[in-house]
N, C-alpha and C. Protein backbone atom coordinates (compact mmCIF):
# COMPACT_ATOMS: atom_id res chain seq x y z
N MET A 1 -12.41 18.36 1.78
CA MET A 1 -11.72 17.14 2.13
C MET A 1 -10.23 17.33 1.85
N ALA A 2 -9.41 16.84 2.73
CA ALA A 2 -7.97 16.98 2.59
C ALA A 2 -7.45 16.15 1.43
N GLU A 3 -6.41 16.67 0.78
CA GLU A 3 -5.85 15.98 -0.38
C GLU A 3 -5.36 14.59 -0.04
N GLY A 4 -4.73 14.43 1.12
CA GLY A 4 -4.22 13.12 1.54
C GLY A 4 -5.31 12.08 1.64
N SER A 5 -6.43 12.44 2.24
CA SER A 5 -7.51 11.47 2.37
C SER A 5 -8.14 11.15 1.03
N THR A 6 -8.17 12.11 0.11
CA THR A 6 -8.68 11.85 -1.23
C THR A 6 -7.77 10.86 -1.95
N ASN A 7 -6.46 11.03 -1.82
CA ASN A 7 -5.51 10.13 -2.46
C ASN A 7 -5.62 8.72 -1.88
N GLU A 8 -5.71 8.63 -0.56
CA GLU A 8 -5.85 7.33 0.09
C GLU A 8 -7.14 6.64 -0.36
N ARG A 9 -8.20 7.38 -0.38
CA ARG A 9 -9.49 6.82 -0.78
C ARG A 9 -9.44 6.35 -2.24
N ALA A 10 -8.78 7.12 -3.10
CA ALA A 10 -8.67 6.75 -4.51
C ALA A 10 -7.90 5.44 -4.66
N ILE A 11 -6.83 5.28 -3.91
CA ILE A 11 -6.04 4.03 -3.98
C ILE A 11 -6.86 2.85 -3.47
N VAL A 12 -7.59 3.05 -2.38
CA VAL A 12 -8.42 1.98 -1.83
C VAL A 12 -9.50 1.58 -2.83
N TYR A 13 -10.19 2.56 -3.42
CA TYR A 13 -11.22 2.25 -4.41
C TYR A 13 -10.63 1.54 -5.62
N ALA A 14 -9.48 1.99 -6.08
CA ALA A 14 -8.83 1.34 -7.22
C ALA A 14 -8.49 -0.11 -6.88
N THR A 15 -8.03 -0.33 -5.65
CA THR A 15 -7.73 -1.69 -5.20
C THR A 15 -8.97 -2.55 -5.21
N LEU A 16 -10.07 -2.03 -4.72
CA LEU A 16 -11.32 -2.78 -4.69
C LEU A 16 -11.84 -3.08 -6.09
N ILE A 17 -11.69 -2.13 -7.00
CA ILE A 17 -12.12 -2.35 -8.39
C ILE A 17 -11.31 -3.48 -9.01
N LEU A 18 -10.00 -3.44 -8.85
CA LEU A 18 -9.16 -4.50 -9.41
C LEU A 18 -9.49 -5.85 -8.80
N ALA A 19 -9.65 -5.89 -7.48
CA ALA A 19 -9.97 -7.15 -6.80
C ALA A 19 -11.31 -7.69 -7.26
N ASP A 20 -12.29 -6.82 -7.42
CA ASP A 20 -13.62 -7.24 -7.85
C ASP A 20 -13.59 -7.83 -9.26
N ASP A 21 -12.71 -7.31 -10.09
CA ASP A 21 -12.57 -7.82 -11.46
C ASP A 21 -11.63 -9.01 -11.54
N GLY A 22 -11.02 -9.39 -10.42
CA GLY A 22 -10.11 -10.52 -10.42
C GLY A 22 -8.78 -10.22 -11.10
N VAL A 23 -8.40 -8.95 -11.12
CA VAL A 23 -7.18 -8.51 -11.78
C VAL A 23 -6.09 -8.36 -10.73
N ASP A 24 -4.86 -8.75 -11.09
CA ASP A 24 -3.73 -8.57 -10.18
C ASP A 24 -3.55 -7.10 -9.85
N ILE A 25 -3.25 -6.84 -8.61
CA ILE A 25 -3.07 -5.47 -8.15
C ILE A 25 -1.60 -5.09 -8.30
N THR A 26 -1.36 -4.16 -9.21
CA THR A 26 0.00 -3.66 -9.43
C THR A 26 -0.02 -2.15 -9.29
N ALA A 27 1.15 -1.58 -9.06
CA ALA A 27 1.26 -0.13 -8.94
C ALA A 27 0.80 0.55 -10.22
N GLU A 28 1.16 -0.03 -11.36
CA GLU A 28 0.78 0.57 -12.64
C GLU A 28 -0.74 0.60 -12.82
N LYS A 29 -1.39 -0.49 -12.46
CA LYS A 29 -2.85 -0.55 -12.61
C LYS A 29 -3.54 0.40 -11.63
N LEU A 30 -3.00 0.51 -10.43
CA LEU A 30 -3.56 1.46 -9.47
C LEU A 30 -3.42 2.89 -9.98
N GLN A 31 -2.25 3.21 -10.53
CA GLN A 31 -2.02 4.55 -11.08
C GLN A 31 -2.96 4.83 -12.26
N THR A 32 -3.16 3.84 -13.11
CA THR A 32 -4.04 4.00 -14.27
C THR A 32 -5.47 4.32 -13.83
N LEU A 33 -5.95 3.58 -12.84
CA LEU A 33 -7.33 3.81 -12.36
C LEU A 33 -7.48 5.15 -11.66
N THR A 34 -6.52 5.52 -10.84
CA THR A 34 -6.64 6.80 -10.14
C THR A 34 -6.53 7.97 -11.12
N LYS A 35 -5.68 7.85 -12.11
CA LYS A 35 -5.58 8.91 -13.12
C LYS A 35 -6.87 9.01 -13.92
N ALA A 36 -7.47 7.87 -14.24
CA ALA A 36 -8.74 7.87 -14.98
C ALA A 36 -9.85 8.53 -14.16
N ALA A 37 -9.73 8.45 -12.83
CA ALA A 37 -10.71 9.08 -11.94
C ALA A 37 -10.41 10.56 -11.71
N GLY A 38 -9.30 11.01 -12.26
CA GLY A 38 -8.95 12.42 -12.11
C GLY A 38 -8.26 12.74 -10.80
N VAL A 39 -7.69 11.72 -10.15
CA VAL A 39 -6.99 11.92 -8.89
C VAL A 39 -5.51 11.67 -9.14
N ASP A 40 -4.69 12.66 -8.84
CA ASP A 40 -3.25 12.55 -9.05
C ASP A 40 -2.61 12.03 -7.76
N VAL A 41 -2.32 10.73 -7.75
CA VAL A 41 -1.72 10.08 -6.59
C VAL A 41 -0.23 9.88 -6.87
N GLU A 42 0.60 10.21 -5.90
CA GLU A 42 2.03 10.00 -6.07
C GLU A 42 2.31 8.51 -6.27
N PRO A 43 3.17 8.18 -7.22
CA PRO A 43 3.46 6.77 -7.52
C PRO A 43 3.93 5.96 -6.32
N VAL A 44 4.56 6.60 -5.36
CA VAL A 44 5.03 5.86 -4.19
C VAL A 44 3.88 5.20 -3.44
N TRP A 45 2.72 5.85 -3.39
CA TRP A 45 1.57 5.28 -2.68
C TRP A 45 1.03 4.07 -3.41
N ALA A 46 0.97 4.15 -4.72
CA ALA A 46 0.52 2.99 -5.50
C ALA A 46 1.48 1.83 -5.31
N SER A 47 2.77 2.12 -5.30
CA SER A 47 3.78 1.06 -5.10
C SER A 47 3.65 0.43 -3.72
N LEU A 48 3.47 1.25 -2.69
CA LEU A 48 3.33 0.74 -1.33
C LEU A 48 2.11 -0.17 -1.19
N PHE A 49 0.99 0.27 -1.75
CA PHE A 49 -0.23 -0.54 -1.69
C PHE A 49 -0.04 -1.85 -2.42
N ALA A 50 0.53 -1.78 -3.62
CA ALA A 50 0.73 -2.99 -4.42
C ALA A 50 1.65 -3.97 -3.69
N LYS A 51 2.72 -3.47 -3.09
CA LYS A 51 3.65 -4.34 -2.35
C LYS A 51 2.97 -4.95 -1.12
N ALA A 52 2.21 -4.15 -0.40
CA ALA A 52 1.55 -4.64 0.81
C ALA A 52 0.51 -5.71 0.51
N LEU A 53 -0.11 -5.62 -0.66
CA LEU A 53 -1.17 -6.55 -1.01
C LEU A 53 -0.70 -7.70 -1.91
N GLU A 54 0.56 -7.70 -2.24
CA GLU A 54 1.12 -8.73 -3.12
C GLU A 54 0.90 -10.12 -2.52
N GLY A 55 0.28 -10.99 -3.32
CA GLY A 55 0.04 -12.37 -2.89
C GLY A 55 -1.14 -12.54 -1.95
N LYS A 56 -1.84 -11.46 -1.66
CA LYS A 56 -2.99 -11.53 -0.75
C LYS A 56 -4.29 -11.59 -1.56
N ASN A 57 -5.26 -12.30 -1.02
CA ASN A 57 -6.58 -12.34 -1.62
C ASN A 57 -7.42 -11.26 -0.94
N ILE A 58 -7.70 -10.21 -1.67
CA ILE A 58 -8.43 -9.06 -1.10
C ILE A 58 -9.81 -9.47 -0.63
N ASN A 59 -10.49 -10.32 -1.37
CA ASN A 59 -11.83 -10.75 -0.97
C ASN A 59 -11.78 -11.49 0.36
N ASP A 60 -10.78 -12.33 0.55
CA ASP A 60 -10.63 -13.02 1.85
C ASP A 60 -10.41 -12.02 2.97
N LEU A 61 -9.58 -11.02 2.71
CA LEU A 61 -9.32 -9.99 3.73
C LEU A 61 -10.61 -9.26 4.09
N LEU A 62 -11.41 -8.92 3.09
CA LEU A 62 -12.64 -8.17 3.33
C LEU A 62 -13.69 -9.00 4.06
N PHE A 63 -13.86 -10.23 3.63
CA PHE A 63 -14.94 -11.04 4.18
C PHE A 63 -14.60 -11.71 5.50
N ASN A 64 -13.35 -11.73 5.86
CA ASN A 64 -12.95 -12.35 7.12
C ASN A 64 -12.49 -11.34 8.15
N ILE A 65 -12.77 -10.09 7.91
CA ILE A 65 -12.28 -9.03 8.80
C ILE A 65 -12.81 -9.15 10.22
N GLY A 66 -14.03 -9.63 10.37
CA GLY A 66 -14.61 -9.74 11.70
C GLY A 66 -14.73 -11.18 12.19
N ALA A 67 -14.12 -12.10 11.48
CA ALA A 67 -14.27 -13.52 11.83
C ALA A 67 -13.86 -13.83 13.26
N GLY A 68 -12.78 -13.25 13.72
CA GLY A 68 -12.29 -13.53 15.07
C GLY A 68 -13.14 -12.91 16.16
N LEU A 69 -13.97 -11.94 15.81
CA LEU A 69 -14.77 -11.26 16.81
C LEU A 69 -15.89 -12.12 17.37
N PHE A 70 -16.37 -13.08 16.58
CA PHE A 70 -17.54 -13.83 16.99
C PHE A 70 -17.25 -15.29 17.31
N ASP A 71 -15.99 -15.66 17.35
CA ASP A 71 -15.64 -17.03 17.70
C ASP A 71 -15.83 -17.24 19.20
N ASP A 72 -16.33 -18.40 19.54
CA ASP A 72 -16.50 -18.74 20.98
C ASP A 72 -15.33 -19.51 21.48
C-alpha cells in the first residue's frame, strides 16, 4: 500500500474515532492518534483535516451522505 493512502486512511480513522467519542477534532488530537497507531503523518495533513471539519458535525455528514439520492 502506498504511503500516501496509509496517511490519508490514518487521518480519516482518527477523525472517526474522535467524532465517535464526541471529542472536538483538532490537528493536535489527530496527530496524537495517528502517532499512537504508529503512522507518521505530516502535521500539515492533520491541520488541513481539522480546518476542513471545523464546526461540522461528522455524524451528520456520515448519516446524510446519501439523503439527496432518494428524495422524490
